[in-house]
Amino acid sequence: MLLLIAILLAVFFLPSPWNVLVLALGLFGEVGEVVFGIWYSRRRRATTGAESMVGGTAKVIEACRPNGRASFKGERWEAVCDEGAEIGERVRIKAVDGLTLVVERIPAP
């Protein structure tokens, strides 16, 4: 975008010595923008699947004694909670075993 603006300025509005300078600055800015975009996108690896769920919080929708169901990001999952959890409680996901969430209760504040 910056290079396009520089080209338009250089061709239509600026006299001879300034148009080269504006084009050089536009090109420099465009290269800097691309380098920054690549750096920003590689800062951390994307997490998908089960590893992105571990550590998240879910809401119990069917009492876990120890088996029940929990909702995580709008999806309903089978859940196992060794200490038990009641409907409406928030639980932390410790692991994912197949299609079952292994969860623990989050202590009430």
PDB file of N, CA and C in Angstrom:
ATOM      1  N   MET A   1       0.825  -1.186   0.000  1.00  0.00           N
ATOM      2  CA  MET A   1       0.000   0.000   0.000  1.00  0.00           C
ATOM      3  C   MET A   1       0.869   1.250   0.000  1.00  0.00           C
ATOM      4  N   LEU A   2       1.933   1.230   0.804  1.00  0.00           N
ATOM      5  CA  LEU A   2       2.831   2.376   0.889  1.00  0.00           C
ATOM      6  C   LEU A   2       3.522   2.632  -0.448  1.00  0.00           C
ATOM      7  N   LEU A   3       3.918   1.567  -1.126  1.00  0.00           N
ATOM      8  CA  LEU A   3       4.577   1.708  -2.423  1.00  0.00           C
ATOM      9  C   LEU A   3       3.615   2.273  -3.468  1.00  0.00           C
ATOM     10  N   LEU A   4       2.377   1.866  -3.429  1.00  0.00           N
ATOM     11  CA  LEU A   4       1.379   2.381  -4.366  1.00  0.00           C
ATOM     12  C   LEU A   4       1.167   3.883  -4.187  1.00  0.00           C
ATOM     13  N   ILE A   5       1.104   4.339  -2.963  1.00  0.00           N
ATOM     14  CA  ILE A   5       0.954   5.772  -2.688  1.00  0.00           C
ATOM     15  C   ILE A   5       2.187   6.534  -3.172  1.00  0.00           C
ATOM     16  N   ALA A   6       3.377   5.956  -2.945  1.00  0.00           N
ATOM     17  CA  ALA A   6       4.613   6.600  -3.387  1.00  0.00           C
ATOM     18  C   ALA A   6       4.665   6.707  -4.907  1.00  0.00           C
ATOM     19  N   ILE A   7       4.226   5.671  -5.601  1.00  0.00           N
ATOM     20  CA  ILE A   7       4.209   5.707  -7.074  1.00  0.00           C
ATOM     21  C   ILE A   7       3.259   6.783  -7.570  1.00  0.00           C
ATOM     22  N   LEU A   8       2.071   6.849  -6.993  1.00  0.00           N
ATOM     23  CA  LEU A   8       1.103   7.870  -7.406  1.00  0.00           C
ATOM     24  C   LEU A   8       1.635   9.284  -7.160  1.00  0.00           C
ATOM     25  N   LEU A   9       2.258   9.515  -6.013  1.00  0.00           N
ATOM     26  CA  LEU A   9       2.838  10.825  -5.726  1.00  0.00           C
ATOM     27  C   LEU A   9       3.952  11.163  -6.701  1.00  0.00           C
ATOM     28  N   ALA A  10       4.829  10.191  -6.965  1.00  0.00           N
ATOM     29  CA  ALA A  10       5.981  10.431  -7.829  1.00  0.00           C
ATOM     30  C   ALA A  10       5.566  10.718  -9.267  1.00  0.00           C
ATOM     31  N   VAL A  11       4.570  10.031  -9.757  1.00  0.00           N
ATOM     32  CA  VAL A  11       4.178  10.185 -11.155  1.00  0.00           C
ATOM     33  C   VAL A  11       3.347  11.446 -11.372  1.00  0.00           C
ATOM     34  N   PHE A  12       2.418  11.742 -10.484  1.00  0.00           N
ATOM     35  CA  PHE A  12       1.456  12.804 -10.744  1.00  0.00           C
ATOM     36  C   PHE A  12       1.723  14.139 -10.036  1.00  0.00           C
ATOM     37  N   PHE A  13       2.450  14.148  -8.931  1.00  0.00           N
ATOM     38  CA  PHE A  13       2.514  15.376  -8.151  1.00  0.00           C
ATOM     39  C   PHE A  13       3.910  15.946  -7.920  1.00  0.00           C
ATOM     40  N   LEU A  14       4.955  15.143  -7.909  1.00  0.00           N
ATOM     41  CA  LEU A  14       6.273  15.629  -7.497  1.00  0.00           C
ATOM     42  C   LEU A  14       7.181  15.913  -8.688  1.00  0.00           C
ATOM     43  N   PRO A  15       8.024  16.948  -8.562  1.00  0.00           N
ATOM     44  CA  PRO A  15       8.986  17.233  -9.622  1.00  0.00           C
ATOM     45  C   PRO A  15      10.143  16.224  -9.617  1.00  0.00           C
ATOM     46  N   SER A  16      10.993  16.328 -10.571  1.00  0.00           N
ATOM     47  CA  SER A  16      12.026  15.340 -10.899  1.00  0.00           C
ATOM     48  C   SER A  16      12.910  14.869  -9.741  1.00  0.00           C
ATOM     49  N   PRO A  17      13.603  15.695  -8.982  1.00  0.00           N
ATOM     50  CA  PRO A  17      14.489  15.077  -7.979  1.00  0.00           C
ATOM     51  C   PRO A  17      13.736  14.439  -6.817  1.00  0.00           C
ATOM     52  N   TRP A  18      12.556  14.938  -6.485  1.00  0.00           N
ATOM     53  CA  TRP A  18      11.813  14.436  -5.333  1.00  0.00           C
ATOM     54  C   TRP A  18      11.093  13.113  -5.633  1.00  0.00           C
ATOM     55  N   ASN A  19      10.707  12.879  -6.869  1.00  0.00           N
ATOM     56  CA  ASN A  19       9.972  11.659  -7.169  1.00  0.00           C
ATOM     57  C   ASN A  19      10.826  10.409  -6.963  1.00  0.00           C
ATOM     58  N   VAL A  20      12.127  10.494  -7.250  1.00  0.00           N
ATOM     59  CA  VAL A  20      13.023   9.352  -7.032  1.00  0.00           C
ATOM     60  C   VAL A  20      13.166   9.073  -5.538  1.00  0.00           C
ATOM     61  N   LEU A  21      13.298  10.143  -4.745  1.00  0.00           N
ATOM     62  CA  LEU A  21      13.416   9.973  -3.290  1.00  0.00           C
ATOM     63  C   LEU A  21      12.151   9.348  -2.696  1.00  0.00           C
ATOM     64  N   VAL A  22      10.993   9.813  -3.145  1.00  0.00           N
ATOM     65  CA  VAL A  22       9.726   9.270  -2.624  1.00  0.00           C
ATOM     66  C   VAL A  22       9.568   7.804  -3.031  1.00  0.00           C
ATOM     67  N   LEU A  23       9.948   7.452  -4.248  1.00  0.00           N
ATOM     68  CA  LEU A  23       9.882   6.050  -4.670  1.00  0.00           C
ATOM     69  C   LEU A  23      10.817   5.174  -3.842  1.00  0.00           C
ATOM     70  N   ALA A  24      12.026   5.669  -3.568  1.00  0.00           N
ATOM     71  CA  ALA A  24      12.980   4.903  -2.753  1.00  0.00           C
ATOM     72  C   ALA A  24      12.441   4.705  -1.336  1.00  0.00           C
ATOM     73  N   LEU A  25      11.880   5.762  -0.749  1.00  0.00           N
ATOM     74  CA  LEU A  25      11.315   5.646   0.601  1.00  0.00           C
ATOM     75  C   LEU A  25      10.101   4.711   0.613  1.00  0.00           C
ATOM     76  N   GLY A  26       9.271   4.769  -0.414  1.00  0.00           N
ATOM     77  CA  GLY A  26       8.118   3.872  -0.505  1.00  0.00           C
ATOM     78  C   GLY A  26       8.542   2.421  -0.612  1.00  0.00           C
ATOM     79  N   LEU A  27       9.584   2.173  -1.430  1.00  0.00           N
ATOM     80  CA  LEU A  27      10.096   0.805  -1.568  1.00  0.00           C
ATOM     81  C   LEU A  27      10.697   0.311  -0.258  1.00  0.00           C
ATOM     82  N   PHE A  28      11.463   1.186   0.398  1.00  0.00           N
ATOM     83  CA  PHE A  28      12.051   0.833   1.690  1.00  0.00           C
ATOM     84  C   PHE A  28      10.955   0.519   2.717  1.00  0.00           C
ATOM     85  N   GLY A  29       9.910   1.337   2.758  1.00  0.00           N
ATOM     86  CA  GLY A  29       8.809   1.101   3.690  1.00  0.00           C
ATOM     87  C   GLY A  29       8.068  -0.187   3.391  1.00  0.00           C
ATOM     88  N   GLU A  30       7.890  -0.499   2.117  1.00  0.00           N
ATOM     89  CA  GLU A  30       7.195  -1.731   1.731  1.00  0.00           C
ATOM     90  C   GLU A  30       8.000  -2.968   2.129  1.00  0.00           C
ATOM     91  N   VAL A  31       9.307  -2.936   1.901  1.00  0.00           N
ATOM     92  CA  VAL A  31      10.168  -4.059   2.300  1.00  0.00           C
ATOM     93  C   VAL A  31      10.149  -4.221   3.813  1.00  0.00           C
ATOM     94  N   GLY A  32      10.192  -3.100   4.537  1.00  0.00           N
ATOM     95  CA  GLY A  32      10.127  -3.167   6.005  1.00  0.00           C
ATOM     96  C   GLY A  32       8.816  -3.755   6.493  1.00  0.00           C
ATOM     97  N   GLU A  33       7.730  -3.411   5.822  1.00  0.00           N
ATOM     98  CA  GLU A  33       6.425  -3.950   6.196  1.00  0.00           C
ATOM     99  C   GLU A  33       6.360  -5.461   5.977  1.00  0.00           C
ATOM    100  N   VAL A  34       6.927  -5.935   4.869  1.00  0.00           N
ATOM    101  CA  VAL A  34       6.933  -7.374   4.584  1.00  0.00           C
ATOM    102  C   VAL A  34       7.799  -8.111   5.601  1.00  0.00           C
ATOM    103  N   VAL A  35       8.979  -7.570   5.904  1.00  0.00           N
ATOM    104  CA  VAL A  35       9.870  -8.217   6.880  1.00  0.00           C
ATOM    105  C   VAL A  35       9.199  -8.263   8.251  1.00  0.00           C
ATOM    106  N   PHE A  36       8.560  -7.171   8.656  1.00  0.00           N
ATOM    107  CA  PHE A  36       7.859  -7.153   9.938  1.00  0.00           C
ATOM    108  C   PHE A  36       6.717  -8.169   9.957  1.00  0.00           C
ATOM    109  N   GLY A  37       5.964  -8.266   8.859  1.00  0.00           N
ATOM    110  CA  GLY A  37       4.862  -9.231   8.790  1.00  0.00           C
ATOM    111  C   GLY A  37       5.333 -10.666   8.919  1.00  0.00           C
ATOM    112  N   ILE A  38       6.442 -10.990   8.267  1.00  0.00           N
ATOM    113  CA  ILE A  38       6.992 -12.343   8.378  1.00  0.00           C
ATOM    114  C   ILE A  38       7.455 -12.602   9.802  1.00  0.00           C
ATOM    115  N   TRP A  39       8.153 -11.655  10.410  1.00  0.00           N
ATOM    116  CA  TRP A  39       8.622 -11.826  11.787  1.00  0.00           C
ATOM    117  C   TRP A  39       7.441 -12.000  12.744  1.00  0.00           C
ATOM    118  N   TYR A  40       6.415 -11.186  12.572  1.00  0.00           N
ATOM    119  CA  TYR A  40       5.260 -11.232  13.471  1.00  0.00           C
ATOM    120  C   TYR A  40       4.521 -12.569  13.362  1.00  0.00           C
ATOM    121  N   SER A  41       4.426 -13.102  12.158  1.00  0.00           N
ATOM    122  CA  SER A  41       3.692 -14.361  11.980  1.00  0.00           C
ATOM    123  C   SER A  41       4.469 -15.562  12.494  1.00  0.00           C
ATOM    124  N   ARG A  42       5.768 -15.461  12.646  1.00  0.00           N
ATOM    125  CA  ARG A  42       6.584 -16.588  13.119  1.00  0.00           C
ATOM    126  C   ARG A  42       6.937 -16.510  14.593  1.00  0.00           C
ATOM    127  N   ARG A  43       6.328 -15.604  15.330  1.00  0.00           N
ATOM    128  CA  ARG A  43       6.673 -15.457  16.745  1.00  0.00           C
ATOM    129  C   ARG A  43       6.396 -16.693  17.568  1.00  0.00           C
ATOM    130  N   ARG A  44       5.316 -17.360  17.310  1.00  0.00           N
ATOM    131  CA  ARG A  44       5.006 -18.585  18.054  1.00  0.00           C
ATOM    132  C   ARG A  44       4.274 -19.556  17.145  1.00  0.00           C
ATOM    133  N   ARG A  45       4.365 -20.817  17.485  1.00  0.00           N
ATOM    134  CA  ARG A  45       3.729 -21.849  16.684  1.00  0.00           C
ATOM    135  C   ARG A  45       2.226 -21.879  16.969  1.00  0.00           C
ATOM    136  N   ALA A  46       1.478 -22.173  15.954  1.00  0.00           N
ATOM    137  CA  ALA A  46       0.039 -22.316  16.115  1.00  0.00           C
ATOM    138  C   ALA A  46      -0.258 -23.624  16.855  1.00  0.00           C
ATOM    139  N   THR A  47      -1.189 -23.573  17.785  1.00  0.00           N
ATOM    140  CA  THR A  47      -1.596 -24.783  18.486  1.00  0.00           C
ATOM    141  C   THR A  47      -2.990 -25.154  18.025  1.00  0.00           C
ATOM    142  N   THR A  48      -3.131 -26.394  17.629  1.00  0.00           N
ATOM    143  CA  THR A  48      -4.429 -26.890  17.183  1.00  0.00           C
ATOM    144  C   THR A  48      -4.674 -28.246  17.821  1.00  0.00           C
ATOM    145  N   GLY A  49      -5.896 -28.691  17.762  1.00  0.00           N
ATOM    146  CA  GLY A  49      -6.229 -30.014  18.268  1.00  0.00           C
ATOM    147  C   GLY A  49      -6.250 -30.064  19.790  1.00  0.00           C
ATOM    148  N   ALA A  50      -5.921 -31.235  20.305  1.00  0.00           N
ATOM    149  CA  ALA A  50      -6.025 -31.475  21.744  1.00  0.00           C
ATOM    150  C   ALA A  50      -5.076 -30.600  22.552  1.00  0.00           C
ATOM    151  N   GLU A  51      -3.879 -30.325  22.025  1.00  0.00           N
ATOM    152  CA  GLU A  51      -2.926 -29.536  22.807  1.00  0.00           C
ATOM    153  C   GLU A  51      -3.415 -28.107  23.043  1.00  0.00           C
ATOM    154  N   SER A  52      -4.299 -27.612  22.195  1.00  0.00           N
ATOM    155  CA  SER A  52      -4.830 -26.270  22.422  1.00  0.00           C
ATOM    156  C   SER A  52      -5.914 -26.260  23.493  1.00  0.00           C
ATOM    157  N   MET A  53      -6.469 -27.410  23.812  1.00  0.00           N
ATOM    158  CA  MET A  53      -7.536 -27.484  24.812  1.00  0.00           C
ATOM    159  C   MET A  53      -6.988 -27.595  26.229  1.00  0.00           C
ATOM    160  N   VAL A  54      -5.842 -28.222  26.386  1.00  0.00           N
ATOM    161  CA  VAL A  54      -5.277 -28.446  27.720  1.00  0.00           C
ATOM    162  C   VAL A  54      -4.973 -27.099  28.370  1.00  0.00           C
ATOM    163  N   GLY A  55      -5.464 -26.924  29.587  1.00  0.00           N
ATOM    164  CA  GLY A  55      -5.290 -25.679  30.316  1.00  0.00           C
ATOM    165  C   GLY A  55      -6.494 -24.762  30.196  1.00  0.00           C
ATOM    166  N   GLY A  56      -7.388 -25.037  29.265  1.00  0.00           N
ATOM    167  CA  GLY A  56      -8.582 -24.224  29.090  1.00  0.00           C
ATOM    168  C   GLY A  56      -9.629 -24.544  30.147  1.00  0.00           C
ATOM    169  N   THR A  57     -10.674 -23.725  30.197  1.00  0.00           N
ATOM    170  CA  THR A  57     -11.749 -23.976  31.156  1.00  0.00           C
ATOM    171  C   THR A  57     -13.019 -24.367  30.419  1.00  0.00           C
ATOM    172  N   ALA A  58     -13.733 -25.282  31.013  1.00  0.00           N
ATOM    173  CA  ALA A  58     -14.991 -25.768  30.454  1.00  0.00           C
ATOM    174  C   ALA A  58     -16.071 -25.621  31.521  1.00  0.00           C
ATOM    175  N   LYS A  59     -17.318 -25.685  31.091  1.00  0.00           N
ATOM    176  CA  LYS A  59     -18.452 -25.589  32.014  1.00  0.00           C
ATOM    177  C   LYS A  59     -19.151 -26.937  32.049  1.00  0.00           C
ATOM    178  N   VAL A  60     -19.423 -27.441  33.249  1.00  0.00           N
ATOM    179  CA  VAL A  60     -20.078 -28.735  33.420  1.00  0.00           C
ATOM    180  C   VAL A  60     -21.548 -28.592  33.050  1.00  0.00           C
ATOM    181  N   ILE A  61     -22.019 -29.457  32.141  1.00  0.00           N
ATOM    182  CA  ILE A  61     -23.424 -29.404  31.736  1.00  0.00           C
ATOM    183  C   ILE A  61     -24.182 -30.648  32.189  1.00  0.00           C
ATOM    184  N   GLU A  62     -23.453 -31.673  32.627  1.00  0.00           N
ATOM    185  CA  GLU A  62     -24.053 -32.879  33.209  1.00  0.00           C
ATOM    186  C   GLU A  62     -23.104 -33.314  34.318  1.00  0.00           C
ATOM    187  N   ALA A  63     -23.607 -33.439  35.534  1.00  0.00           N
ATOM    188  CA  ALA A  63     -22.764 -33.672  36.703  1.00  0.00           C
ATOM    189  C   ALA A  63     -21.732 -34.771  36.466  1.00  0.00           C
ATOM    190  N   CYS A  64     -20.506 -34.488  36.878  1.00  0.00           N
ATOM    191  CA  CYS A  64     -19.390 -35.439  36.737  1.00  0.00           C
ATOM    192  C   CYS A  64     -19.185 -36.142  38.074  1.00  0.00           C
ATOM    193  N   ARG A  65     -19.553 -37.416  38.125  1.00  0.00           N
ATOM    194  CA  ARG A  65     -19.378 -38.209  39.354  1.00  0.00           C
ATOM    195  C   ARG A  65     -18.896 -39.598  39.031  1.00  0.00           C
ATOM    196  N   PRO A  66     -17.805 -39.912  38.577  1.00  0.00           N
ATOM    197  CA  PRO A  66     -16.762 -39.077  37.974  1.00  0.00           C
ATOM    198  C   PRO A  66     -17.015 -38.792  36.498  1.00  0.00           C
ATOM    199  N   ASN A  67     -17.948 -39.537  35.861  1.00  0.00           N
ATOM    200  CA  ASN A  67     -18.207 -39.297  34.433  1.00  0.00           C
ATOM    201  C   ASN A  67     -19.373 -38.333  34.258  1.00  0.00           C
ATOM    202  N   GLY A  68     -19.263 -37.467  33.265  1.00  0.00           N
ATOM    203  CA  GLY A  68     -20.325 -36.511  32.974  1.00  0.00           C
ATOM    204  C   GLY A  68     -20.063 -35.861  31.632  1.00  0.00           C
ATOM    205  N   ARG A  69     -20.573 -34.637  31.490  1.00  0.00           N
ATOM    206  CA  ARG A  69     -20.375 -33.905  30.232  1.00  0.00           C
ATOM    207  C   ARG A  69     -19.998 -32.467  30.553  1.00  0.00           C
ATOM    208  N   ALA A  70     -19.187 -31.889  29.657  1.00  0.00           N
ATOM    209  CA  ALA A  70     -18.764 -30.497  29.819  1.00  0.00           C
ATOM    210  C   ALA A  70     -18.808 -29.810  28.461  1.00  0.00           C
ATOM    211  N   SER A  71     -18.975 -28.501  28.498  1.00  0.00           N
ATOM    212  CA  SER A  71     -19.013 -27.692  27.283  1.00  0.00           C
ATOM    213  C   SER A  71     -17.740 -26.860  27.212  1.00  0.00           C
ATOM    214  N   PHE A  72     -17.039 -26.961  26.085  1.00  0.00           N
ATOM    215  CA  PHE A  72     -15.820 -26.187  25.860  1.00  0.00           C
ATOM    216  C   PHE A  72     -15.935 -25.486  24.518  1.00  0.00           C
ATOM    217  N   LYS A  73     -15.960 -24.163  24.547  1.00  0.00           N
ATOM    218  CA  LYS A  73     -16.091 -23.339  23.342  1.00  0.00           C
ATOM    219  C   LYS A  73     -17.290 -23.751  22.496  1.00  0.00           C
ATOM    220  N   GLY A  74     -18.402 -24.011  23.160  1.00  0.00           N
ATOM    221  CA  GLY A  74     -19.635 -24.337  22.456  1.00  0.00           C
ATOM    222  C   GLY A  74     -19.773 -25.791  22.042  1.00  0.00           C
ATOM    223  N   GLU A  75     -18.760 -26.609  22.304  1.00  0.00           N
ATOM    224  CA  GLU A  75     -18.824 -28.027  21.952  1.00  0.00           C
ATOM    225  C   GLU A  75     -19.038 -28.847  23.219  1.00  0.00           C
ATOM    226  N   ARG A  76     -19.850 -29.889  23.111  1.00  0.00           N
ATOM    227  CA  ARG A  76     -20.125 -30.756  24.252  1.00  0.00           C
ATOM    228  C   ARG A  76     -19.201 -31.971  24.207  1.00  0.00           C
ATOM    229  N   TRP A  77     -18.568 -32.242  25.330  1.00  0.00           N
ATOM    230  CA  TRP A  77     -17.600 -33.326  25.432  1.00  0.00           C
ATOM    231  C   TRP A  77     -17.949 -34.223  26.611  1.00  0.00           C
ATOM    232  N   GLU A  78     -17.623 -35.502  26.492  1.00  0.00           N
ATOM    233  CA  GLU A  78     -17.645 -36.379  27.652  1.00  0.00           C
ATOM    234  C   GLU A  78     -16.526 -35.906  28.572  1.00  0.00           C
ATOM    235  N   ALA A  79     -16.738 -35.982  29.880  1.00  0.00           N
ATOM    236  CA  ALA A  79     -15.742 -35.492  30.823  1.00  0.00           C
ATOM    237  C   ALA A  79     -15.599 -36.454  31.988  1.00  0.00           C
ATOM    238  N   VAL A  80     -14.394 -36.498  32.532  1.00  0.00           N
ATOM    239  CA  VAL A  80     -14.099 -37.297  33.724  1.00  0.00           C
ATOM    240  C   VAL A  80     -13.459 -36.370  34.743  1.00  0.00           C
ATOM    241  N   CYS A  81     -14.066 -36.318  35.932  1.00  0.00           N
ATOM    242  CA  CYS A  81     -13.543 -35.487  37.013  1.00  0.00           C
ATOM    243  C   CYS A  81     -13.483 -36.361  38.263  1.00  0.00           C
ATOM    244  N   ASP A  82     -12.291 -36.705  38.708  1.00  0.00           N
ATOM    245  CA  ASP A  82     -12.124 -37.617  39.843  1.00  0.00           C
ATOM    246  C   ASP A  82     -12.751 -37.090  41.123  1.00  0.00           C
ATOM    247  N   GLU A  83     -12.640 -35.775  41.363  1.00  0.00           N
ATOM    248  CA  GLU A  83     -13.209 -35.237  42.596  1.00  0.00           C
ATOM    249  C   GLU A  83     -14.672 -34.864  42.458  1.00  0.00           C
ATOM    250  N   GLY A  84     -15.220 -34.968  41.265  1.00  0.00           N
ATOM    251  CA  GLY A  84     -16.630 -34.671  41.022  1.00  0.00           C
ATOM    252  C   GLY A  84     -16.879 -33.182  40.817  1.00  0.00           C
ATOM    253  N   ALA A  85     -17.870 -32.871  39.980  1.00  0.00           N
ATOM    254  CA  ALA A  85     -18.229 -31.477  39.719  1.00  0.00           C
ATOM    255  C   ALA A  85     -19.717 -31.423  39.403  1.00  0.00           C
ATOM    256  N   GLU A  86     -20.362 -30.371  39.869  1.00  0.00           N
ATOM    257  CA  GLU A  86     -21.797 -30.203  39.683  1.00  0.00           C
ATOM    258  C   GLU A  86     -22.091 -29.361  38.445  1.00  0.00           C
ATOM    259  N   ILE A  87     -23.338 -29.396  38.004  1.00  0.00           N
ATOM    260  CA  ILE A  87     -23.774 -28.637  36.827  1.00  0.00           C
ATOM    261  C   ILE A  87     -23.518 -27.145  37.057  1.00  0.00           C
ATOM    262  N   GLY A  88     -22.946 -26.493  36.053  1.00  0.00           N
ATOM    263  CA  GLY A  88     -22.670 -25.058  36.119  1.00  0.00           C
ATOM    264  C   GLY A  88     -21.296 -24.705  36.636  1.00  0.00           C
ATOM    265  N   GLU A  89     -20.584 -25.665  37.232  1.00  0.00           N
ATOM    266  CA  GLU A  89     -19.238 -25.390  37.743  1.00  0.00           C
ATOM    267  C   GLU A  89     -18.249 -25.266  36.592  1.00  0.00           C
ATOM    268  N   ARG A  90     -17.220 -24.475  36.812  1.00  0.00           N
ATOM    269  CA  ARG A  90     -16.123 -24.351  35.857  1.00  0.00           C
ATOM    270  C   ARG A  90     -15.040 -25.364  36.233  1.00  0.00           C
ATOM    271  N   VAL A  91     -14.504 -26.021  35.219  1.00  0.00           N
ATOM    272  CA  VAL A  91     -13.447 -27.004  35.429  1.00  0.00           C
ATOM    273  C   VAL A  91     -12.298 -26.700  34.474  1.00  0.00           C
ATOM    274  N   ARG A  92     -11.089 -27.084  34.872  1.00  0.00           N
ATOM    275  CA  ARG A  92      -9.897 -26.902  34.052  1.00  0.00           C
ATOM    276  C   ARG A  92      -9.562 -28.215  33.356  1.00  0.00           C
ATOM    277  N   ILE A  93      -9.247 -28.152  32.081  1.00  0.00           N
ATOM    278  CA  ILE A  93      -8.924 -29.352  31.311  1.00  0.00           C
ATOM    279  C   ILE A  93      -7.468 -29.718  31.570  1.00  0.00           C
ATOM    280  N   LYS A  94      -7.251 -30.929  32.106  1.00  0.00           N
ATOM    281  CA  LYS A  94      -5.900 -31.421  32.381  1.00  0.00           C
ATOM    282  C   LYS A  94      -5.343 -32.205  31.206  1.00  0.00           C
ATOM    283  N   ALA A  95      -6.205 -32.949  30.516  1.00  0.00           N
ATOM    284  CA  ALA A  95      -5.752 -33.787  29.402  1.00  0.00           C
ATOM    285  C   ALA A  95      -6.954 -34.140  28.540  1.00  0.00           C
ATOM    286  N   VAL A  96      -6.654 -34.659  27.365  1.00  0.00           N
ATOM    287  CA  VAL A  96      -7.690 -35.150  26.460  1.00  0.00           C
ATOM    288  C   VAL A  96      -7.358 -36.595  26.163  1.00  0.00           C
ATOM    289  N   ASP A  97      -8.292 -37.490  26.506  1.00  0.00           N
ATOM    290  CA  ASP A  97      -8.104 -38.924  26.288  1.00  0.00           C
ATOM    291  C   ASP A  97      -9.113 -39.370  25.235  1.00  0.00           C
ATOM    292  N   GLY A  98      -8.672 -39.424  23.982  1.00  0.00           N
ATOM    293  CA  GLY A  98      -9.587 -39.754  22.897  1.00  0.00           C
ATOM    294  C   GLY A  98     -10.603 -38.630  22.730  1.00  0.00           C
ATOM    295  N   LEU A  99     -11.877 -38.938  22.968  1.00  0.00           N
ATOM    296  CA  LEU A  99     -12.940 -37.933  22.892  1.00  0.00           C
ATOM    297  C   LEU A  99     -13.468 -37.566  24.276  1.00  0.00           C
ATOM    298  N   THR A 100     -12.655 -37.781  25.304  1.00  0.00           N
ATOM    299  CA  THR A 100     -13.049 -37.492  26.683  1.00  0.00           C
ATOM    300  C   THR A 100     -12.081 -36.489  27.296  1.00  0.00           C
ATOM    301  N   LEU A 101     -12.642 -35.482  27.950  1.00  0.00           N
ATOM    302  CA  LEU A 101     -11.817 -34.504  28.645  1.00  0.00           C
ATOM    303  C   LEU A 101     -11.556 -34.986  30.063  1.00  0.00           C
ATOM    304  N   VAL A 102     -10.313 -34.942  30.488  1.00  0.00           N
ATOM    305  CA  VAL A 102      -9.957 -35.217  31.882  1.00  0.00           C
ATOM    306  C   VAL A 102      -9.842 -33.847  32.537  1.00  0.00           C
ATOM    307  N   VAL A 103     -10.729 -33.582  33.510  1.00  0.00           N
ATOM    308  CA  VAL A 103     -10.822 -32.244  34.084  1.00  0.00           C
ATOM    309  C   VAL A 103     -10.643 -32.276  35.591  1.00  0.00           C
ATOM    310  N   GLU A 104     -10.393 -31.065  36.156  1.00  0.00           N
ATOM    311  CA  GLU A 104     -10.310 -30.897  37.605  1.00  0.00           C
ATOM    312  C   GLU A 104     -11.112 -29.664  37.977  1.00  0.00           C
ATOM    313  N   ARG A 105     -11.642 -29.675  39.171  1.00  0.00           N
ATOM    314  CA  ARG A 105     -12.428 -28.530  39.627  1.00  0.00           C
ATOM    315  C   ARG A 105     -11.550 -27.312  39.823  1.00  0.00           C
ATOM    316  N   ILE A 106     -12.112 -26.156  39.515  1.00  0.00           N
ATOM    317  CA  ILE A 106     -11.448 -24.897  39.814  1.00  0.00           C
ATOM    318  C   ILE A 106     -12.033 -24.400  41.124  1.00  0.00           C
ATOM    319  N   PRO A 107     -11.199 -24.169  42.148  1.00  0.00           N
ATOM    320  CA  PRO A 107     -11.735 -23.723  43.422  1.00  0.00           C
ATOM    321  C   PRO A 107     -12.473 -22.394  43.290  1.00  0.00           C
ATOM    322  N   ALA A 108     -13.594 -22.287  43.936  1.00  0.00           N
ATOM    323  CA  ALA A 108     -14.393 -21.052  43.913  1.00  0.00           C
ATOM    324  C   ALA A 108     -13.633 -19.949  44.639  1.00  0.00           C
ATOM    325  N   PRO A 109     -13.668 -18.709  44.126  1.00  0.00           N
ATOM    326  CA  PRO A 109     -12.948 -17.612  44.787  1.00  0.00           C
ATOM    327  C   PRO A 109     -13.561 -17.221  46.107  1.00  0.00           C
TER     328      PRO A 109
END
